[in-house]
């Protein structure tokens, strides 16, 4: 069953989401923002300003998830103007960011992450894997710019929505099996095997 705002707020008090916004924030210091915080049946997390990396082509190389070359990811600059702080994701490119919020997922919950419509309508596709039962850390966020124009992705504003689904207790949680992405920091985490 999908969990509602009452349950999400109660679990956030116990440390499931930190920092936590108890309502959907649409303005910050009188400036409009891409919404973040608690909604009816989900929680919109923010992009951290700490780091954003963009894939770059290195002639003669192939990106290999079993033998990932960190040189294929290039850190990008955080810009700031009257609209806020943002990273630029070039046209037809792929980038990795990280969630500002730290999550501690209960062992009967799996979290599905979906892209926000404000970005989808600009050609930005969010491809975030689920946060499984008993996972904790800062999610690494994956974005594809399918448009033919460079696009901004705003830091400290909403980028994806989390949906919380409860099931019967599993026999082996992410923590129990010592998942390779447990306890991610607020930095981009590269592929691991």
N, C-alpha and C. Protein backbone atom coordinates (compact mmCIF):
# COMPACT_ATOMS: atom_id res chain seq x y z
N UNK A 1 0.84 -1.18 0.00
CA UNK A 1 0.00 0.00 0.00
C UNK A 1 0.89 1.25 0.00
N UNK A 2 0.48 2.27 -0.75
CA UNK A 2 1.21 3.53 -0.76
C UNK A 2 0.92 4.28 0.54
N UNK A 3 1.93 4.94 1.10
CA UNK A 3 1.80 5.63 2.38
C UNK A 3 1.45 7.10 2.16
N UNK A 4 0.64 7.65 3.09
CA UNK A 4 0.17 9.03 2.96
C UNK A 4 1.01 10.03 3.75
N UNK A 5 0.61 11.30 3.67
CA UNK A 5 1.34 12.38 4.32
C UNK A 5 1.41 12.23 5.84
N UNK A 6 0.35 11.70 6.45
CA UNK A 6 0.35 11.52 7.91
C UNK A 6 1.44 10.53 8.31
N UNK A 7 1.51 9.42 7.61
CA UNK A 7 2.53 8.40 7.90
C UNK A 7 3.93 8.95 7.62
N UNK A 8 4.12 9.62 6.49
CA UNK A 8 5.44 10.17 6.13
C UNK A 8 5.92 11.14 7.19
N UNK A 9 5.04 12.05 7.64
CA UNK A 9 5.42 13.02 8.68
C UNK A 9 5.79 12.31 9.98
N UNK A 10 5.01 11.31 10.36
CA UNK A 10 5.30 10.57 11.59
C UNK A 10 6.67 9.87 11.50
N UNK A 11 6.95 9.27 10.35
CA UNK A 11 8.23 8.58 10.18
C UNK A 11 9.40 9.56 10.06
N UNK A 12 9.15 10.73 9.49
CA UNK A 12 10.21 11.74 9.41
C UNK A 12 10.63 12.19 10.80
N UNK A 13 9.68 12.27 11.73
CA UNK A 13 10.01 12.61 13.12
C UNK A 13 10.95 11.58 13.73
N UNK A 14 10.90 10.36 13.22
CA UNK A 14 11.77 9.28 13.72
C UNK A 14 13.07 9.20 12.93
N UNK A 15 13.29 10.13 11.97
CA UNK A 15 14.56 10.18 11.24
C UNK A 15 14.55 9.61 9.84
N UNK A 16 13.37 9.29 9.28
CA UNK A 16 13.34 8.71 7.94
C UNK A 16 13.81 9.69 6.87
N UNK A 17 13.51 10.99 7.03
CA UNK A 17 13.91 12.02 6.07
C UNK A 17 14.51 13.18 6.87
N UNK A 18 15.73 13.57 6.49
CA UNK A 18 16.36 14.68 7.20
C UNK A 18 17.26 15.47 6.24
N UNK A 19 17.09 16.79 6.15
CA UNK A 19 16.08 17.61 6.78
C UNK A 19 14.70 17.34 6.17
N UNK A 20 13.65 17.70 6.93
CA UNK A 20 12.28 17.42 6.53
C UNK A 20 11.47 18.70 6.46
N UNK A 21 10.69 18.85 5.40
CA UNK A 21 9.75 19.97 5.26
C UNK A 21 8.35 19.41 5.40
N UNK A 22 7.60 19.89 6.38
CA UNK A 22 6.29 19.32 6.71
C UNK A 22 5.17 19.77 5.77
N UNK A 23 5.47 20.62 4.82
CA UNK A 23 4.49 21.01 3.81
C UNK A 23 5.21 21.21 2.48
N UNK A 24 4.45 21.32 1.42
CA UNK A 24 5.03 21.54 0.11
C UNK A 24 5.45 23.00 0.00
N UNK A 25 6.74 23.23 -0.20
CA UNK A 25 7.28 24.60 -0.30
C UNK A 25 7.30 24.99 -1.77
N UNK A 26 6.64 26.11 -2.08
CA UNK A 26 6.58 26.61 -3.46
C UNK A 26 7.26 27.96 -3.62
N UNK A 27 7.51 28.62 -2.48
CA UNK A 27 8.22 29.90 -2.49
C UNK A 27 9.25 29.85 -1.37
N UNK A 28 10.40 30.43 -1.62
CA UNK A 28 11.47 30.49 -0.65
C UNK A 28 12.01 31.90 -0.65
N UNK A 29 11.82 32.61 0.47
CA UNK A 29 12.24 34.01 0.55
C UNK A 29 11.63 34.83 -0.59
N UNK A 30 10.33 34.62 -0.82
CA UNK A 30 9.55 35.35 -1.83
C UNK A 30 9.89 35.01 -3.28
N UNK A 31 10.80 34.07 -3.51
CA UNK A 31 11.09 33.63 -4.87
C UNK A 31 10.36 32.32 -5.15
N UNK A 32 9.78 32.17 -6.34
CA UNK A 32 9.18 30.87 -6.65
C UNK A 32 10.26 29.80 -6.78
N UNK A 33 9.95 28.60 -6.31
CA UNK A 33 10.89 27.48 -6.41
C UNK A 33 10.15 26.28 -6.99
N UNK A 34 10.91 25.34 -7.51
CA UNK A 34 10.32 24.07 -7.92
C UNK A 34 10.04 23.32 -6.62
N UNK A 35 8.78 23.01 -6.39
CA UNK A 35 8.31 22.57 -5.08
C UNK A 35 9.09 21.39 -4.51
N UNK A 36 9.17 21.42 -3.18
CA UNK A 36 9.79 20.33 -2.42
C UNK A 36 9.07 20.20 -1.08
N UNK A 37 9.22 19.04 -0.46
CA UNK A 37 8.59 18.79 0.83
C UNK A 37 7.45 17.79 0.73
N UNK A 38 6.64 17.76 1.77
CA UNK A 38 5.58 16.78 1.93
C UNK A 38 4.38 17.08 1.04
N UNK A 39 3.91 16.06 0.33
CA UNK A 39 2.68 16.17 -0.46
C UNK A 39 1.72 15.08 0.02
N UNK A 40 0.59 14.95 -0.63
CA UNK A 40 -0.46 14.03 -0.17
C UNK A 40 0.01 12.59 0.01
N UNK A 41 0.70 12.06 -0.99
CA UNK A 41 1.15 10.67 -0.96
C UNK A 41 2.62 10.55 -1.35
N UNK A 42 3.43 11.53 -1.00
CA UNK A 42 4.83 11.47 -1.35
C UNK A 42 5.63 12.58 -0.71
N UNK A 43 6.89 12.60 -1.06
CA UNK A 43 7.79 13.63 -0.56
C UNK A 43 8.73 14.02 -1.68
N UNK A 44 8.79 15.31 -2.00
CA UNK A 44 9.67 15.82 -3.06
C UNK A 44 11.01 16.21 -2.46
N UNK A 45 12.06 15.49 -2.87
CA UNK A 45 13.39 15.80 -2.35
C UNK A 45 14.09 16.82 -3.24
N UNK A 46 15.13 17.44 -2.67
CA UNK A 46 15.87 18.50 -3.34
C UNK A 46 17.23 18.01 -3.85
N UNK A 47 17.72 18.70 -4.84
CA UNK A 47 19.07 18.46 -5.36
C UNK A 47 20.06 19.20 -4.48
N UNK A 48 21.07 18.51 -4.02
CA UNK A 48 22.12 19.13 -3.21
C UNK A 48 22.99 20.05 -4.07
N UNK A 49 23.44 21.17 -3.52
CA UNK A 49 24.36 22.05 -4.24
C UNK A 49 25.81 21.57 -4.17
N UNK A 50 26.06 20.49 -3.43
CA UNK A 50 27.43 20.05 -3.17
C UNK A 50 28.16 19.56 -4.43
N UNK A 51 27.45 18.80 -5.28
CA UNK A 51 28.15 18.22 -6.42
C UNK A 51 27.18 17.82 -7.53
N UNK A 52 27.61 18.04 -8.77
CA UNK A 52 26.88 17.56 -9.95
C UNK A 52 27.94 17.22 -10.98
N UNK A 53 27.82 16.05 -11.59
CA UNK A 53 28.80 15.61 -12.58
C UNK A 53 28.11 15.26 -13.88
N UNK A 54 28.79 15.54 -14.99
CA UNK A 54 28.24 15.28 -16.32
C UNK A 54 29.15 14.30 -17.05
N UNK A 55 28.54 13.32 -17.73
CA UNK A 55 29.32 12.38 -18.52
C UNK A 55 29.98 13.11 -19.68
N UNK A 56 31.22 12.78 -19.93
CA UNK A 56 31.92 13.33 -21.08
C UNK A 56 32.54 12.18 -21.86
N UNK A 57 32.65 12.40 -23.15
CA UNK A 57 33.20 11.37 -24.01
C UNK A 57 34.72 11.43 -23.98
N UNK A 58 35.34 10.29 -23.74
CA UNK A 58 36.79 10.17 -23.84
C UNK A 58 37.04 9.24 -25.02
N UNK A 59 37.60 9.77 -26.12
CA UNK A 59 37.80 8.93 -27.32
C UNK A 59 38.51 7.62 -26.98
N UNK A 60 37.99 6.55 -27.55
CA UNK A 60 38.59 5.23 -27.36
C UNK A 60 38.14 4.50 -26.11
N UNK A 61 37.24 5.12 -25.34
CA UNK A 61 36.77 4.45 -24.12
C UNK A 61 35.29 4.12 -24.24
N UNK A 62 34.90 3.12 -23.48
CA UNK A 62 33.51 2.72 -23.36
C UNK A 62 33.18 2.76 -21.87
N UNK A 63 32.04 3.35 -21.50
CA UNK A 63 31.65 3.37 -20.10
C UNK A 63 31.26 1.95 -19.69
N UNK A 64 31.89 1.46 -18.63
CA UNK A 64 31.71 0.09 -18.18
C UNK A 64 31.31 0.09 -16.71
N UNK A 65 30.08 -0.32 -16.37
CA UNK A 65 29.67 -0.31 -14.97
C UNK A 65 30.47 -1.27 -14.09
N UNK A 66 31.14 -2.27 -14.70
CA UNK A 66 31.97 -3.18 -13.92
C UNK A 66 33.39 -2.67 -13.71
N UNK A 67 33.77 -1.70 -14.49
CA UNK A 67 35.12 -1.12 -14.39
C UNK A 67 35.00 0.37 -14.73
N UNK A 68 34.29 1.08 -13.87
CA UNK A 68 33.94 2.48 -14.17
C UNK A 68 35.16 3.38 -14.07
N UNK A 69 35.34 4.20 -15.10
CA UNK A 69 36.43 5.16 -15.14
C UNK A 69 35.89 6.51 -14.67
N UNK A 70 36.29 6.99 -13.49
CA UNK A 70 35.78 8.27 -12.98
C UNK A 70 36.10 9.46 -13.89
N UNK A 71 37.07 9.27 -14.78
CA UNK A 71 37.41 10.34 -15.73
C UNK A 71 36.25 10.63 -16.69
N UNK A 72 35.32 9.68 -16.83
CA UNK A 72 34.16 9.88 -17.70
C UNK A 72 33.14 10.87 -17.11
N UNK A 73 33.32 11.20 -15.84
CA UNK A 73 32.42 12.16 -15.19
C UNK A 73 33.19 13.43 -14.87
N UNK A 74 32.63 14.54 -15.32
CA UNK A 74 33.29 15.83 -15.14
C UNK A 74 32.47 16.68 -14.17
N UNK A 75 33.09 17.17 -13.08
CA UNK A 75 32.35 18.06 -12.18
C UNK A 75 31.93 19.32 -12.94
N UNK A 76 30.77 19.85 -12.60
CA UNK A 76 30.29 21.06 -13.24
C UNK A 76 30.07 22.14 -12.20
N UNK A 77 30.09 23.36 -12.66
CA UNK A 77 30.00 24.52 -11.79
C UNK A 77 28.57 24.77 -11.32
N UNK A 78 28.43 25.23 -10.08
CA UNK A 78 27.15 25.69 -9.56
C UNK A 78 27.05 27.18 -9.85
N UNK A 79 26.01 27.57 -10.58
CA UNK A 79 25.78 28.97 -10.92
C UNK A 79 24.70 29.54 -10.00
N UNK A 80 24.69 30.85 -9.84
CA UNK A 80 23.65 31.50 -9.06
C UNK A 80 23.25 32.79 -9.74
N UNK A 81 21.95 33.01 -9.83
CA UNK A 81 21.43 34.29 -10.31
C UNK A 81 20.16 34.60 -9.52
N UNK A 82 19.38 35.56 -9.99
CA UNK A 82 18.18 35.98 -9.24
C UNK A 82 17.15 34.86 -9.09
N UNK A 83 17.22 33.83 -9.92
CA UNK A 83 16.26 32.71 -9.85
C UNK A 83 16.71 31.60 -8.91
N UNK A 84 17.96 31.64 -8.44
CA UNK A 84 18.45 30.61 -7.53
C UNK A 84 19.78 30.04 -8.00
N UNK A 85 20.19 28.95 -7.34
CA UNK A 85 21.43 28.26 -7.69
C UNK A 85 21.09 27.06 -8.58
N UNK A 86 21.93 26.81 -9.58
CA UNK A 86 21.61 25.76 -10.54
C UNK A 86 22.87 25.21 -11.20
N UNK A 87 22.71 23.99 -11.73
CA UNK A 87 23.70 23.37 -12.59
C UNK A 87 23.13 23.37 -14.00
N UNK A 88 24.00 23.37 -15.00
CA UNK A 88 23.54 23.30 -16.39
C UNK A 88 23.82 21.90 -16.91
N UNK A 89 22.77 21.24 -17.39
CA UNK A 89 22.90 19.93 -18.01
C UNK A 89 22.81 20.15 -19.52
N UNK A 90 23.93 19.97 -20.24
CA UNK A 90 23.94 20.23 -21.69
C UNK A 90 22.94 19.36 -22.45
N UNK A 91 22.56 19.84 -23.62
CA UNK A 91 21.65 19.10 -24.49
C UNK A 91 22.17 17.70 -24.75
N UNK A 92 21.27 16.73 -24.80
CA UNK A 92 21.59 15.33 -25.10
C UNK A 92 22.72 14.79 -24.23
N UNK A 93 22.70 15.12 -22.96
CA UNK A 93 23.74 14.62 -22.07
C UNK A 93 23.11 13.97 -20.84
N UNK A 94 23.98 13.46 -19.98
CA UNK A 94 23.55 12.71 -18.81
C UNK A 94 24.36 13.21 -17.63
N UNK A 95 23.70 13.41 -16.49
CA UNK A 95 24.42 13.91 -15.32
C UNK A 95 24.00 13.20 -14.05
N UNK A 96 24.87 13.27 -13.05
CA UNK A 96 24.62 12.68 -11.74
C UNK A 96 24.70 13.77 -10.67
N UNK A 97 23.69 13.81 -9.83
CA UNK A 97 23.67 14.70 -8.68
C UNK A 97 23.39 13.87 -7.44
N UNK A 98 23.12 14.55 -6.35
CA UNK A 98 22.86 13.84 -5.10
C UNK A 98 21.74 14.57 -4.35
N UNK A 99 20.95 13.80 -3.62
CA UNK A 99 19.85 14.38 -2.84
C UNK A 99 20.39 15.15 -1.64
N UNK A 100 19.77 16.26 -1.36
CA UNK A 100 20.12 17.03 -0.16
C UNK A 100 19.66 16.28 1.09
N UNK A 101 18.51 15.63 1.01
CA UNK A 101 17.96 14.91 2.16
C UNK A 101 18.64 13.55 2.34
N UNK A 102 18.84 13.21 3.61
CA UNK A 102 19.33 11.87 3.96
C UNK A 102 18.12 11.02 4.32
N UNK A 103 18.10 9.78 3.83
CA UNK A 103 16.98 8.88 4.07
C UNK A 103 17.41 7.70 4.94
N UNK A 104 16.49 7.23 5.78
CA UNK A 104 16.64 5.97 6.52
C UNK A 104 15.33 5.22 6.32
N UNK A 105 15.33 4.29 5.40
CA UNK A 105 14.11 3.60 5.00
C UNK A 105 13.80 2.47 5.97
N UNK A 106 12.56 2.43 6.50
CA UNK A 106 12.17 1.32 7.38
C UNK A 106 12.24 -0.02 6.64
N UNK A 107 12.32 -1.10 7.39
CA UNK A 107 12.53 -2.41 6.76
C UNK A 107 11.28 -3.04 6.15
N UNK A 108 10.12 -2.37 6.21
CA UNK A 108 8.93 -2.87 5.51
C UNK A 108 8.54 -1.94 4.36
N UNK A 109 9.43 -1.01 4.01
CA UNK A 109 9.13 0.02 3.00
C UNK A 109 10.13 -0.07 1.85
N UNK A 110 9.64 0.14 0.63
CA UNK A 110 10.49 0.39 -0.53
C UNK A 110 10.03 1.71 -1.12
N UNK A 111 10.99 2.52 -1.54
CA UNK A 111 10.70 3.85 -2.07
C UNK A 111 10.98 3.88 -3.57
N UNK A 112 9.98 4.33 -4.31
CA UNK A 112 10.12 4.52 -5.75
C UNK A 112 10.27 6.02 -5.99
N UNK A 113 11.22 6.38 -6.83
CA UNK A 113 11.51 7.78 -7.13
C UNK A 113 11.06 8.09 -8.56
N UNK A 114 10.30 9.16 -8.71
CA UNK A 114 9.84 9.55 -10.05
C UNK A 114 10.16 11.01 -10.30
N UNK A 115 10.37 11.35 -11.56
CA UNK A 115 10.71 12.71 -11.93
C UNK A 115 9.55 13.68 -11.75
N UNK A 116 9.90 14.94 -11.54
CA UNK A 116 8.88 15.99 -11.41
C UNK A 116 8.49 16.52 -12.79
N UNK A 117 7.22 16.87 -12.93
CA UNK A 117 6.71 17.32 -14.23
C UNK A 117 7.36 18.61 -14.71
N UNK A 118 7.76 19.50 -13.80
CA UNK A 118 8.41 20.74 -14.23
C UNK A 118 9.67 20.46 -15.04
N UNK A 119 10.42 19.44 -14.65
CA UNK A 119 11.61 19.06 -15.41
C UNK A 119 11.27 18.21 -16.62
N UNK A 120 10.33 17.29 -16.46
CA UNK A 120 9.94 16.43 -17.58
C UNK A 120 9.49 17.26 -18.78
N UNK A 121 8.81 18.36 -18.52
CA UNK A 121 8.33 19.22 -19.60
C UNK A 121 9.44 20.03 -20.25
N UNK A 122 10.63 19.98 -19.66
CA UNK A 122 11.81 20.62 -20.26
C UNK A 122 12.71 19.59 -20.93
N UNK A 123 12.32 18.32 -20.89
CA UNK A 123 13.12 17.26 -21.51
C UNK A 123 14.05 16.55 -20.55
N UNK A 124 13.95 16.84 -19.25
CA UNK A 124 14.81 16.19 -18.26
C UNK A 124 14.11 14.94 -17.73
N UNK A 125 14.76 13.81 -17.89
CA UNK A 125 14.24 12.54 -17.42
C UNK A 125 15.05 12.10 -16.21
N UNK A 126 14.36 11.85 -15.10
CA UNK A 126 15.02 11.34 -13.90
C UNK A 126 14.96 9.82 -13.93
N UNK A 127 16.10 9.18 -13.69
CA UNK A 127 16.18 7.72 -13.71
C UNK A 127 16.81 7.27 -12.41
N UNK A 128 16.00 7.23 -11.36
CA UNK A 128 16.51 6.91 -10.04
C UNK A 128 16.03 5.52 -9.65
N UNK A 129 16.95 4.71 -9.15
CA UNK A 129 16.59 3.37 -8.73
C UNK A 129 15.87 3.42 -7.38
N UNK A 130 15.13 2.39 -7.03
CA UNK A 130 14.40 2.39 -5.75
C UNK A 130 15.34 2.40 -4.55
N UNK A 131 14.85 2.95 -3.46
CA UNK A 131 15.54 2.83 -2.16
C UNK A 131 14.86 1.66 -1.46
N UNK A 132 15.58 0.59 -1.30
CA UNK A 132 14.99 -0.64 -0.77
C UNK A 132 14.85 -0.62 0.74
N UNK A 133 14.17 -1.64 1.25
CA UNK A 133 13.96 -1.80 2.69
C UNK A 133 15.27 -1.73 3.45
N UNK A 134 15.32 -0.85 4.46
CA UNK A 134 16.47 -0.65 5.36
C UNK A 134 17.66 0.01 4.68
N UNK A 135 17.45 0.67 3.52
CA UNK A 135 18.52 1.44 2.89
C UNK A 135 18.63 2.77 3.61
N UNK A 136 19.84 3.34 3.66
CA UNK A 136 20.03 4.67 4.25
C UNK A 136 21.16 5.40 3.54
N UNK A 137 21.02 6.72 3.51
CA UNK A 137 22.04 7.57 2.91
C UNK A 137 21.41 8.66 2.06
N UNK A 138 22.24 9.31 1.24
CA UNK A 138 21.81 10.33 0.29
C UNK A 138 21.73 9.66 -1.08
N UNK A 139 20.57 9.72 -1.71
CA UNK A 139 20.40 9.10 -3.03
C UNK A 139 21.27 9.79 -4.07
N UNK A 140 21.95 9.01 -4.91
CA UNK A 140 22.56 9.56 -6.12
C UNK A 140 21.44 9.64 -7.14
N UNK A 141 21.33 10.80 -7.77
CA UNK A 141 20.23 11.09 -8.69
C UNK A 141 20.76 11.14 -10.12
N UNK A 142 20.08 10.46 -11.03
CA UNK A 142 20.52 10.39 -12.42
C UNK A 142 19.54 11.16 -13.30
N UNK A 143 20.09 12.03 -14.16
CA UNK A 143 19.27 12.86 -15.04
C UNK A 143 19.76 12.79 -16.48
N UNK A 144 18.82 12.65 -17.39
CA UNK A 144 19.12 12.66 -18.82
C UNK A 144 18.44 13.88 -19.43
N UNK A 145 19.18 14.65 -20.20
CA UNK A 145 18.59 15.78 -20.93
C UNK A 145 18.29 15.30 -22.34
N UNK A 146 17.05 14.98 -22.61
CA UNK A 146 16.66 14.48 -23.92
C UNK A 146 16.34 15.59 -24.91
N UNK A 147 16.42 16.83 -24.46
CA UNK A 147 16.09 17.95 -25.35
C UNK A 147 17.32 18.40 -26.13
N UNK A 148 17.09 19.25 -27.11
CA UNK A 148 18.19 19.78 -27.92
C UNK A 148 18.71 21.09 -27.36
N UNK A 149 18.30 21.44 -26.15
CA UNK A 149 18.75 22.68 -25.50
C UNK A 149 19.39 22.36 -24.16
N UNK A 150 20.35 23.18 -23.75
CA UNK A 150 20.91 23.06 -22.41
C UNK A 150 19.79 23.37 -21.41
N UNK A 151 19.78 22.70 -20.27
CA UNK A 151 18.74 22.91 -19.27
C UNK A 151 19.35 23.15 -17.89
N UNK A 152 18.68 23.98 -17.11
CA UNK A 152 19.05 24.20 -15.72
C UNK A 152 18.40 23.13 -14.85
N UNK A 153 19.16 22.71 -13.83
CA UNK A 153 18.61 21.87 -12.77
C UNK A 153 18.95 22.62 -11.48
N UNK A 154 17.90 23.05 -10.77
CA UNK A 154 18.08 23.91 -9.61
C UNK A 154 18.46 23.14 -8.36
N UNK A 155 19.52 23.61 -7.70
CA UNK A 155 19.94 23.07 -6.41
C UNK A 155 19.02 23.63 -5.32
N UNK A 156 18.87 22.91 -4.24
CA UNK A 156 18.05 23.30 -3.10
C UNK A 156 16.56 23.40 -3.44
N UNK A 157 16.16 22.82 -4.57
CA UNK A 157 14.76 22.81 -4.98
C UNK A 157 14.39 21.38 -5.37
N UNK A 158 13.08 21.13 -5.49
CA UNK A 158 12.59 19.79 -5.78
C UNK A 158 13.05 19.25 -7.12
N UNK A 159 13.46 17.98 -7.14
CA UNK A 159 13.88 17.34 -8.39
C UNK A 159 13.16 16.02 -8.65
N UNK A 160 12.87 15.26 -7.61
CA UNK A 160 12.13 14.00 -7.77
C UNK A 160 11.18 13.82 -6.60
N UNK A 161 10.12 13.04 -6.84
CA UNK A 161 9.19 12.70 -5.78
C UNK A 161 9.42 11.27 -5.33
N UNK A 162 9.38 11.09 -4.02
CA UNK A 162 9.50 9.76 -3.44
C UNK A 162 8.10 9.24 -3.11
N UNK A 163 7.84 8.00 -3.48
CA UNK A 163 6.59 7.32 -3.12
C UNK A 163 6.96 6.13 -2.25
N UNK A 164 6.30 6.02 -1.11
CA UNK A 164 6.63 5.01 -0.10
C UNK A 164 5.59 3.88 -0.15
N UNK A 165 6.07 2.66 -0.39
CA UNK A 165 5.19 1.50 -0.47
C UNK A 165 5.54 0.53 0.65
N UNK A 166 4.49 0.08 1.37
CA UNK A 166 4.71 -0.85 2.47
C UNK A 166 4.33 -2.26 2.06
N UNK A 167 5.12 -3.21 2.50
CA UNK A 167 4.84 -4.61 2.25
C UNK A 167 5.08 -5.42 3.50
N UNK A 168 4.86 -6.69 3.40
CA UNK A 168 5.18 -7.60 4.50
C UNK A 168 6.69 -7.55 4.72
N UNK A 169 7.15 -7.79 5.95
CA UNK A 169 8.60 -7.79 6.20
C UNK A 169 9.31 -8.78 5.27
N UNK A 170 10.43 -8.36 4.72
CA UNK A 170 11.21 -9.24 3.85
C UNK A 170 12.17 -10.07 4.68
N UNK A 171 12.65 -11.16 4.13
CA UNK A 171 13.58 -12.00 4.88
C UNK A 171 14.97 -11.41 4.92
N UNK A 172 15.37 -10.68 3.86
CA UNK A 172 16.70 -10.08 3.81
C UNK A 172 16.56 -8.65 3.30
N UNK A 173 16.83 -7.69 4.17
CA UNK A 173 16.75 -6.27 3.79
C UNK A 173 18.06 -5.83 3.15
N UNK A 174 18.04 -4.62 2.61
CA UNK A 174 19.25 -4.05 2.01
C UNK A 174 20.39 -3.99 3.03
N UNK A 175 20.05 -3.61 4.24
CA UNK A 175 21.05 -3.54 5.31
C UNK A 175 21.58 -4.92 5.66
N UNK A 176 20.68 -5.91 5.79
CA UNK A 176 21.07 -7.27 6.16
C UNK A 176 22.03 -7.86 5.14
N UNK A 177 21.77 -7.63 3.85
CA UNK A 177 22.65 -8.22 2.84
C UNK A 177 23.87 -7.34 2.57
N UNK A 178 24.01 -6.28 3.34
CA UNK A 178 25.15 -5.35 3.23
C UNK A 178 25.27 -4.82 1.80
N UNK A 179 24.17 -4.19 1.34
CA UNK A 179 24.12 -3.62 0.00
C UNK A 179 25.27 -2.66 -0.28
N UNK A 180 25.75 -2.68 -1.50
CA UNK A 180 26.95 -1.92 -1.87
C UNK A 180 26.76 -0.42 -1.88
N UNK A 181 25.52 0.08 -1.86
CA UNK A 181 25.28 1.53 -1.86
C UNK A 181 24.75 2.04 -0.53
N UNK A 182 24.94 1.25 0.54
CA UNK A 182 24.49 1.66 1.86
C UNK A 182 25.33 2.82 2.38
N UNK A 183 24.70 3.76 3.06
CA UNK A 183 25.35 4.90 3.72
C UNK A 183 26.06 5.85 2.75
N UNK A 184 25.45 6.10 1.61
CA UNK A 184 26.03 7.07 0.66
C UNK A 184 26.07 8.45 1.30
N UNK A 185 27.17 9.16 1.05
CA UNK A 185 27.32 10.52 1.57
C UNK A 185 26.66 11.51 0.61
N UNK A 186 26.75 12.78 0.93
CA UNK A 186 26.17 13.82 0.08
C UNK A 186 27.12 14.16 -1.06
N UNK A 187 27.66 13.12 -1.68
CA UNK A 187 28.53 13.22 -2.84
C UNK A 187 28.04 12.18 -3.86
N UNK A 188 28.29 12.42 -5.13
CA UNK A 188 27.90 11.47 -6.17
C UNK A 188 28.61 10.14 -5.92
N UNK A 189 27.86 9.05 -5.93
CA UNK A 189 28.44 7.72 -5.76
C UNK A 189 28.52 7.06 -7.13
N UNK A 190 29.71 6.61 -7.49
CA UNK A 190 29.95 5.98 -8.78
C UNK A 190 29.47 4.53 -8.78
N UNK A 191 29.30 3.93 -9.97
CA UNK A 191 28.88 2.52 -10.03
C UNK A 191 29.85 1.61 -9.29
N UNK A 192 29.29 0.63 -8.60
CA UNK A 192 30.08 -0.38 -7.88
C UNK A 192 29.60 -1.76 -8.30
N UNK A 193 30.52 -2.71 -8.24
CA UNK A 193 30.15 -4.10 -8.53
C UNK A 193 30.50 -4.93 -7.31
